[in-house]
């Protein structure tokens, strides 16, 4: 049994991870920002503890982790996306994408660090995207932020490895969560057809990758695609 903290845990991939880690006997805390009804429902369903926290705000993150105490595995799943031309994206939207997707990882890793260093052990799992690997038209800011998460993961793996802390990244492909709500059924069907495994992903597919990396004691600095072979 370990202590697992999952950001962005009230919905989608984060909620699937909460269910999986609780199901395997871990103590789970999850952070969420806005969706109180979904967070409370998930907490009641699983017994995990929900903490309202905007990961882009360092003071909120530090307060949350002070309440949690010991951490064995940190899964940085909180993220936001934006679809549209770069020329139509204003600076405020650009900053918000980076504040949540990149600065959120910075805040959470630093907040978990005292617990990791005390026991010379810990696992950090970041979440990027296949678009962070190859880029996506009309998702330039999102692709850039997720690319930064990949670079940060590799750098932290080198920096923290001597302290017994592993850092890995999962890059989901097309996963059927509410982030796909604006994608037409025709487009989703076409993407499934392009995918070698013949389907789009489920949130549970990504959660299974988290479970592997949380326990893989000799794996660090790796980028694990969960995309059905769409990007190889």
C-alpha atoms as a PDB file:
ATOM      1  CA  UNK A   1       0.000   0.000   0.000  1.00  0.00           C
ATOM      2  CA  UNK A   2       1.323   3.428  -0.903  1.00  0.00           C
ATOM      3  CA  UNK A   3       0.285   7.056  -0.683  1.00  0.00           C
ATOM      4  CA  UNK A   4      -0.736   8.307  -4.120  1.00  0.00           C
ATOM      5  CA  UNK A   5      -1.546  11.894  -5.088  1.00  0.00           C
ATOM      6  CA  UNK A   6      -3.316  12.479  -8.406  1.00  0.00           C
ATOM      7  CA  UNK A   7      -3.892  15.958  -9.783  1.00  0.00           C
ATOM      8  CA  UNK A   8      -6.837  16.588 -12.081  1.00  0.00           C
ATOM      9  CA  UNK A   9      -8.519  13.651 -10.414  1.00  0.00           C
ATOM     10  CA  UNK A  10     -12.197  14.503 -10.636  1.00  0.00           C
ATOM     11  CA  UNK A  11     -12.751  13.472 -14.248  1.00  0.00           C
ATOM     12  CA  UNK A  12     -11.413  11.627 -17.265  1.00  0.00           C
ATOM     13  CA  UNK A  13      -7.998  10.032 -16.992  1.00  0.00           C
ATOM     14  CA  UNK A  14      -7.453  11.339 -13.475  1.00  0.00           C
ATOM     15  CA  UNK A  15     -10.683   9.798 -12.191  1.00  0.00           C
ATOM     16  CA  UNK A  16      -9.821   6.466 -13.834  1.00  0.00           C
ATOM     17  CA  UNK A  17      -6.472   6.588 -12.047  1.00  0.00           C
ATOM     18  CA  UNK A  18      -8.163   7.294  -8.717  1.00  0.00           C
ATOM     19  CA  UNK A  19     -10.361   4.229  -9.154  1.00  0.00           C
ATOM     20  CA  UNK A  20      -7.463   2.003 -10.206  1.00  0.00           C
ATOM     21  CA  UNK A  21      -5.108   2.937  -7.377  1.00  0.00           C
ATOM     22  CA  UNK A  22      -7.838   2.741  -4.732  1.00  0.00           C
ATOM     23  CA  UNK A  23      -8.810  -0.636  -6.178  1.00  0.00           C
ATOM     24  CA  UNK A  24      -5.305  -1.973  -5.701  1.00  0.00           C
ATOM     25  CA  UNK A  25      -5.244  -0.893  -2.065  1.00  0.00           C
ATOM     26  CA  UNK A  26      -3.404   2.426  -2.138  1.00  0.00           C
ATOM     27  CA  UNK A  27      -4.324   5.488  -0.094  1.00  0.00           C
ATOM     28  CA  UNK A  28      -5.321   8.126  -2.640  1.00  0.00           C
ATOM     29  CA  UNK A  29      -5.725  11.874  -2.519  1.00  0.00           C
ATOM     30  CA  UNK A  30      -6.827  13.729  -5.624  1.00  0.00           C
ATOM     31  CA  UNK A  31      -6.716  17.415  -6.441  1.00  0.00           C
ATOM     32  CA  UNK A  32      -9.355  19.122  -8.519  1.00  0.00           C
ATOM     33  CA  UNK A  33     -10.144  22.739  -9.335  1.00  0.00           C
ATOM     34  CA  UNK A  34     -13.786  23.350 -10.264  1.00  0.00           C
ATOM     35  CA  UNK A  35     -15.993  20.304 -10.592  1.00  0.00           C
ATOM     36  CA  UNK A  36     -17.168  19.943  -6.991  1.00  0.00           C
ATOM     37  CA  UNK A  37     -20.118  17.601  -7.683  1.00  0.00           C
ATOM     38  CA  UNK A  38     -17.961  15.172  -9.676  1.00  0.00           C
ATOM     39  CA  UNK A  39     -15.172  15.305  -7.069  1.00  0.00           C
ATOM     40  CA  UNK A  40     -17.517  14.633  -4.172  1.00  0.00           C
ATOM     41  CA  UNK A  41     -19.207  11.795  -6.059  1.00  0.00           C
ATOM     42  CA  UNK A  42     -15.849  10.178  -6.827  1.00  0.00           C
ATOM     43  CA  UNK A  43     -14.722  10.571  -3.219  1.00  0.00           C
ATOM     44  CA  UNK A  44     -17.905   8.867  -2.002  1.00  0.00           C
ATOM     45  CA  UNK A  45     -17.549   6.102  -4.575  1.00  0.00           C
ATOM     46  CA  UNK A  46     -13.908   5.285  -3.892  1.00  0.00           C
ATOM     47  CA  UNK A  47     -13.023   6.540  -0.426  1.00  0.00           C
ATOM     48  CA  UNK A  48     -10.269   8.719  -1.890  1.00  0.00           C
ATOM     49  CA  UNK A  49      -9.834  12.162  -0.362  1.00  0.00           C
ATOM     50  CA  UNK A  50     -10.641  15.150  -2.590  1.00  0.00           C
ATOM     51  CA  UNK A  51      -8.818  18.473  -2.206  1.00  0.00           C
ATOM     52  CA  UNK A  52      -9.895  21.571  -4.121  1.00  0.00           C
ATOM     53  CA  UNK A  53      -6.721  23.121  -5.522  1.00  0.00           C
ATOM     54  CA  UNK A  54      -5.647  25.095  -8.596  1.00  0.00           C
ATOM     55  CA  UNK A  55      -2.271  23.546  -9.404  1.00  0.00           C
ATOM     56  CA  UNK A  56      -1.121  26.750 -11.116  1.00  0.00           C
ATOM     57  CA  UNK A  57      -1.162  28.481  -7.711  1.00  0.00           C
ATOM     58  CA  UNK A  58       1.854  27.595  -5.604  1.00  0.00           C
ATOM     59  CA  UNK A  59       0.301  28.587  -2.285  1.00  0.00           C
ATOM     60  CA  UNK A  60      -2.713  26.346  -2.872  1.00  0.00           C
ATOM     61  CA  UNK A  61      -0.489  23.425  -3.845  1.00  0.00           C
ATOM     62  CA  UNK A  62       1.751  23.807  -0.801  1.00  0.00           C
ATOM     63  CA  UNK A  63      -1.293  23.932   1.476  1.00  0.00           C
ATOM     64  CA  UNK A  64      -2.728  20.795  -0.121  1.00  0.00           C
ATOM     65  CA  UNK A  65       0.480  18.806   0.241  1.00  0.00           C
ATOM     66  CA  UNK A  66       0.941  19.983   3.834  1.00  0.00           C
ATOM     67  CA  UNK A  67      -2.444  18.407   4.595  1.00  0.00           C
ATOM     68  CA  UNK A  68      -1.510  15.189   2.773  1.00  0.00           C
ATOM     69  CA  UNK A  69       1.879  14.648   4.387  1.00  0.00           C
ATOM     70  CA  UNK A  70       3.671  11.569   3.078  1.00  0.00           C
ATOM     71  CA  UNK A  71       3.688  10.864  -0.673  1.00  0.00           C
ATOM     72  CA  UNK A  72       5.015   7.812  -2.514  1.00  0.00           C
ATOM     73  CA  UNK A  73       3.636   8.437  -6.005  1.00  0.00           C
ATOM     74  CA  UNK A  74       2.689  11.738  -7.603  1.00  0.00           C
ATOM     75  CA  UNK A  75       0.691  11.667 -10.832  1.00  0.00           C
ATOM     76  CA  UNK A  76       0.479  15.081 -12.508  1.00  0.00           C
ATOM     77  CA  UNK A  77      -2.674  14.625 -14.545  1.00  0.00           C
ATOM     78  CA  UNK A  78      -4.189  18.116 -14.360  1.00  0.00           C
ATOM     79  CA  UNK A  79      -4.288  19.704 -17.784  1.00  0.00           C
ATOM     80  CA  UNK A  80      -6.234  21.958 -20.102  1.00  0.00           C
ATOM     81  CA  UNK A  81      -6.326  22.211 -23.887  1.00  0.00           C
ATOM     82  CA  UNK A  82      -7.185  24.784 -26.526  1.00  0.00           C
ATOM     83  CA  UNK A  83      -8.153  24.220 -30.138  1.00  0.00           C
ATOM     84  CA  UNK A  84      -7.770  27.051 -32.620  1.00  0.00           C
ATOM     85  CA  UNK A  85      -5.340  29.025 -34.725  1.00  0.00           C
ATOM     86  CA  UNK A  86      -2.340  30.474 -32.910  1.00  0.00           C
ATOM     87  CA  UNK A  87      -3.141  33.944 -34.270  1.00  0.00           C
ATOM     88  CA  UNK A  88      -6.512  33.791 -32.498  1.00  0.00           C
ATOM     89  CA  UNK A  89      -5.026  32.771 -29.150  1.00  0.00           C
ATOM     90  CA  UNK A  90      -4.519  35.723 -26.840  1.00  0.00           C
ATOM     91  CA  UNK A  91      -1.672  36.025 -24.372  1.00  0.00           C
ATOM     92  CA  UNK A  92      -3.906  35.343 -21.384  1.00  0.00           C
ATOM     93  CA  UNK A  93      -5.012  31.999 -22.877  1.00  0.00           C
ATOM     94  CA  UNK A  94      -1.404  31.096 -23.737  1.00  0.00           C
ATOM     95  CA  UNK A  95      -0.274  31.841 -20.187  1.00  0.00           C
ATOM     96  CA  UNK A  96      -3.113  29.829 -18.664  1.00  0.00           C
ATOM     97  CA  UNK A  97      -2.201  26.771 -20.752  1.00  0.00           C
ATOM     98  CA  UNK A  98       1.389  26.915 -19.539  1.00  0.00           C
ATOM     99  CA  UNK A  99       0.416  27.783 -15.962  1.00  0.00           C
ATOM    100  CA  UNK A 100      -1.716  24.660 -15.594  1.00  0.00           C
ATOM    101  CA  UNK A 101       0.104  22.190 -17.839  1.00  0.00           C
ATOM    102  CA  UNK A 102       3.716  23.078 -17.000  1.00  0.00           C
ATOM    103  CA  UNK A 103       3.843  25.278 -13.918  1.00  0.00           C
ATOM    104  CA  UNK A 104       1.391  22.908 -12.252  1.00  0.00           C
ATOM    105  CA  UNK A 105       3.959  20.114 -12.539  1.00  0.00           C
ATOM    106  CA  UNK A 106       6.644  22.416 -11.116  1.00  0.00           C
ATOM    107  CA  UNK A 107       4.513  23.302  -8.097  1.00  0.00           C
ATOM    108  CA  UNK A 108       3.443  19.731  -7.359  1.00  0.00           C
ATOM    109  CA  UNK A 109       6.884  18.165  -7.736  1.00  0.00           C
ATOM    110  CA  UNK A 110       8.382  20.763  -5.419  1.00  0.00           C
ATOM    111  CA  UNK A 111       5.599  20.242  -2.881  1.00  0.00           C
ATOM    112  CA  UNK A 112       6.134  16.461  -2.876  1.00  0.00           C
ATOM    113  CA  UNK A 113       9.919  16.758  -2.713  1.00  0.00           C
ATOM    114  CA  UNK A 114      10.356  16.859   1.101  1.00  0.00           C
ATOM    115  CA  UNK A 115       8.524  13.539   1.465  1.00  0.00           C
ATOM    116  CA  UNK A 116      10.533  11.963  -1.355  1.00  0.00           C
ATOM    117  CA  UNK A 117      13.861  13.157  -0.010  1.00  0.00           C
ATOM    118  CA  UNK A 118      13.140  11.967   3.525  1.00  0.00           C
ATOM    119  CA  UNK A 119      12.934   8.371   2.363  1.00  0.00           C
ATOM    120  CA  UNK A 120      15.239   8.614  -0.655  1.00  0.00           C
ATOM    121  CA  UNK A 121      12.442   7.235  -2.850  1.00  0.00           C
ATOM    122  CA  UNK A 122       9.451   8.339  -4.878  1.00  0.00           C
ATOM    123  CA  UNK A 123       7.784   8.170  -8.260  1.00  0.00           C
ATOM    124  CA  UNK A 124       6.616  11.131 -10.316  1.00  0.00           C
ATOM    125  CA  UNK A 125       4.462  10.479 -13.369  1.00  0.00           C
ATOM    126  CA  UNK A 126       3.770  13.412 -15.657  1.00  0.00           C
ATOM    127  CA  UNK A 127       1.164  13.465 -18.415  1.00  0.00           C
ATOM    128  CA  UNK A 128       1.974  14.905 -21.815  1.00  0.00           C
ATOM    129  CA  UNK A 129       0.265  14.020 -25.103  1.00  0.00           C
ATOM    130  CA  UNK A 130       1.148  12.575 -28.464  1.00  0.00           C
ATOM    131  CA  UNK A 131       0.868  16.177 -29.647  1.00  0.00           C
ATOM    132  CA  UNK A 132       3.705  17.037 -27.284  1.00  0.00           C
ATOM    133  CA  UNK A 133       5.763  14.535 -29.255  1.00  0.00           C
ATOM    134  CA  UNK A 134       4.826  15.463 -32.814  1.00  0.00           C
ATOM    135  CA  UNK A 135       2.794  18.693 -32.655  1.00  0.00           C
ATOM    136  CA  UNK A 136      -0.749  19.292 -33.852  1.00  0.00           C
ATOM    137  CA  UNK A 137      -2.166  21.866 -36.237  1.00  0.00           C
ATOM    138  CA  UNK A 138      -4.519  24.260 -34.434  1.00  0.00           C
ATOM    139  CA  UNK A 139      -3.138  23.102 -31.090  1.00  0.00           C
ATOM    140  CA  UNK A 140       0.172  24.923 -31.124  1.00  0.00           C
ATOM    141  CA  UNK A 141       0.062  26.208 -27.547  1.00  0.00           C
ATOM    142  CA  UNK A 142      -1.121  22.865 -26.171  1.00  0.00           C
ATOM    143  CA  UNK A 143       1.549  21.025 -28.168  1.00  0.00           C
ATOM    144  CA  UNK A 144       4.221  23.425 -26.907  1.00  0.00           C
ATOM    145  CA  UNK A 145       3.144  23.059 -23.286  1.00  0.00           C
ATOM    146  CA  UNK A 146       3.015  19.285 -23.501  1.00  0.00           C
ATOM    147  CA  UNK A 147       6.390  19.244 -25.224  1.00  0.00           C
ATOM    148  CA  UNK A 148       7.732  21.214 -22.275  1.00  0.00           C
ATOM    149  CA  UNK A 149       6.381  18.538 -19.933  1.00  0.00           C
ATOM    150  CA  UNK A 150       8.376  15.904 -21.818  1.00  0.00           C
ATOM    151  CA  UNK A 151      11.575  17.951 -21.569  1.00  0.00           C
ATOM    152  CA  UNK A 152      10.950  18.656 -17.886  1.00  0.00           C
ATOM    153  CA  UNK A 153      10.418  14.948 -17.225  1.00  0.00           C
ATOM    154  CA  UNK A 154      13.730  13.982 -18.799  1.00  0.00           C
ATOM    155  CA  UNK A 155      15.625  16.722 -16.976  1.00  0.00           C
ATOM    156  CA  UNK A 156      14.078  15.860 -13.609  1.00  0.00           C
ATOM    157  CA  UNK A 157      14.857  12.167 -14.082  1.00  0.00           C
ATOM    158  CA  UNK A 158      18.534  13.068 -14.365  1.00  0.00           C
ATOM    159  CA  UNK A 159      18.389  15.581 -11.529  1.00  0.00           C
ATOM    160  CA  UNK A 160      16.439  13.468  -9.057  1.00  0.00           C
ATOM    161  CA  UNK A 161      17.671   9.971  -9.878  1.00  0.00           C
ATOM    162  CA  UNK A 162      20.629  10.172  -7.447  1.00  0.00           C
ATOM    163  CA  UNK A 163      18.064  10.891  -4.701  1.00  0.00           C
ATOM    164  CA  UNK A 164      16.142   7.708  -5.499  1.00  0.00           C
ATOM    165  CA  UNK A 165      13.281   9.550  -7.216  1.00  0.00           C
ATOM    166  CA  UNK A 166      12.017   8.268 -10.555  1.00  0.00           C
ATOM    167  CA  UNK A 167      10.321  10.572 -13.082  1.00  0.00           C
ATOM    168  CA  UNK A 168       8.474   9.253 -16.125  1.00  0.00           C
ATOM    169  CA  UNK A 169       5.926  10.598 -18.593  1.00  0.00           C
ATOM    170  CA  UNK A 170       2.832   9.114 -20.226  1.00  0.00           C
ATOM    171  CA  UNK A 171       1.770  10.460 -23.626  1.00  0.00           C
ATOM    172  CA  UNK A 172      -1.861   9.610 -24.330  1.00  0.00           C
ATOM    173  CA  UNK A 173      -3.240   9.557 -27.840  1.00  0.00           C
ATOM    174  CA  UNK A 174      -6.917   9.935 -28.671  1.00  0.00           C
ATOM    175  CA  UNK A 175      -8.621   9.126 -25.376  1.00  0.00           C
ATOM    176  CA  UNK A 176     -12.407   9.272 -25.148  1.00  0.00           C
ATOM    177  CA  UNK A 177     -12.807  11.799 -22.348  1.00  0.00           C
ATOM    178  CA  UNK A 178     -14.536  15.173 -22.273  1.00  0.00           C
ATOM    179  CA  UNK A 179     -11.468  16.711 -23.934  1.00  0.00           C
ATOM    180  CA  UNK A 180     -12.799  15.041 -27.084  1.00  0.00           C
ATOM    181  CA  UNK A 181     -16.244  16.596 -26.675  1.00  0.00           C
ATOM    182  CA  UNK A 182     -15.645  19.093 -29.467  1.00  0.00           C
ATOM    183  CA  UNK A 183     -14.394  16.425 -31.884  1.00  0.00           C
ATOM    184  CA  UNK A 184     -17.016  15.134 -34.295  1.00  0.00           C
ATOM    185  CA  UNK A 185     -18.037  11.477 -34.381  1.00  0.00           C
ATOM    186  CA  UNK A 186     -16.790  11.301 -37.968  1.00  0.00           C
ATOM    187  CA  UNK A 187     -13.335  12.557 -36.968  1.00  0.00           C
ATOM    188  CA  UNK A 188     -13.151  10.160 -34.019  1.00  0.00           C
ATOM    189  CA  UNK A 189     -14.113   7.281 -36.279  1.00  0.00           C
ATOM    190  CA  UNK A 190     -11.428   8.281 -38.783  1.00  0.00           C
ATOM    191  CA  UNK A 191      -8.820   8.458 -36.023  1.00  0.00           C
ATOM    192  CA  UNK A 192      -9.807   5.013 -34.786  1.00  0.00           C
ATOM    193  CA  UNK A 193      -9.445   3.673 -38.314  1.00  0.00           C
ATOM    194  CA  UNK A 194      -5.951   5.191 -38.576  1.00  0.00           C
ATOM    195  CA  UNK A 195      -4.907   3.590 -35.291  1.00  0.00           C
ATOM    196  CA  UNK A 196      -3.205   0.201 -35.723  1.00  0.00           C
ATOM    197  CA  UNK A 197      -5.183  -1.291 -32.820  1.00  0.00           C
ATOM    198  CA  UNK A 198      -8.389  -0.159 -34.487  1.00  0.00           C
ATOM    199  CA  UNK A 199      -9.938   1.909 -31.719  1.00  0.00           C
ATOM    200  CA  UNK A 200      -9.563   5.080 -29.720  1.00  0.00           C
ATOM    201  CA  UNK A 201      -8.348   4.888 -26.158  1.00  0.00           C
ATOM    202  CA  UNK A 202     -10.173   4.760 -22.840  1.00  0.00           C
ATOM    203  CA  UNK A 203      -9.178   6.587 -19.687  1.00  0.00           C
ATOM    204  CA  UNK A 204      -8.529   3.193 -18.101  1.00  0.00           C
ATOM    205  CA  UNK A 205      -5.859   2.463 -20.735  1.00  0.00           C
ATOM    206  CA  UNK A 206      -3.847   5.432 -19.500  1.00  0.00           C
ATOM    207  CA  UNK A 207      -4.416   4.596 -15.841  1.00  0.00           C
ATOM    208  CA  UNK A 208      -2.900   1.162 -16.446  1.00  0.00           C
ATOM    209  CA  UNK A 209       0.258   2.846 -17.720  1.00  0.00           C
ATOM    210  CA  UNK A 210       0.394   4.905 -14.514  1.00  0.00           C
ATOM    211  CA  UNK A 211       0.140   1.733 -12.436  1.00  0.00           C
ATOM    212  CA  UNK A 212       3.052   0.161 -14.298  1.00  0.00           C
ATOM    213  CA  UNK A 213       5.308   3.190 -13.966  1.00  0.00           C
ATOM    214  CA  UNK A 214       4.475   3.618 -10.270  1.00  0.00           C
ATOM    215  CA  UNK A 215       5.973   0.182  -9.569  1.00  0.00           C
ATOM    216  CA  UNK A 216       8.730  -0.054 -12.215  1.00  0.00           C
ATOM    217  CA  UNK A 217      11.705   0.489  -9.921  1.00  0.00           C
ATOM    218  CA  UNK A 218      14.357   0.554 -12.667  1.00  0.00           C
ATOM    219  CA  UNK A 219      12.492   2.794 -15.116  1.00  0.00           C
ATOM    220  CA  UNK A 220      13.075   6.538 -15.167  1.00  0.00           C
ATOM    221  CA  UNK A 221      13.258   9.336 -17.700  1.00  0.00           C
ATOM    222  CA  UNK A 222      11.021   7.426 -20.106  1.00  0.00           C
ATOM    223  CA  UNK A 223       8.214   8.626 -22.343  1.00  0.00           C
ATOM    224  CA  UNK A 224       5.495   5.978 -22.577  1.00  0.00           C
ATOM    225  CA  UNK A 225       3.030   6.479 -25.443  1.00  0.00           C
ATOM    226  CA  UNK A 226      -0.500   5.176 -24.871  1.00  0.00           C
ATOM    227  CA  UNK A 227      -1.981   5.767 -28.305  1.00  0.00           C
ATOM    228  CA  UNK A 228      -2.779   2.399 -29.861  1.00  0.00           C
ATOM    229  CA  UNK A 229       0.083   2.868 -32.319  1.00  0.00           C
ATOM    230  CA  UNK A 230      -1.276   6.067 -33.873  1.00  0.00           C
ATOM    231  CA  UNK A 231       2.109   7.749 -33.269  1.00  0.00           C
ATOM    232  CA  UNK A 232       5.135   5.453 -33.429  1.00  0.00           C
END
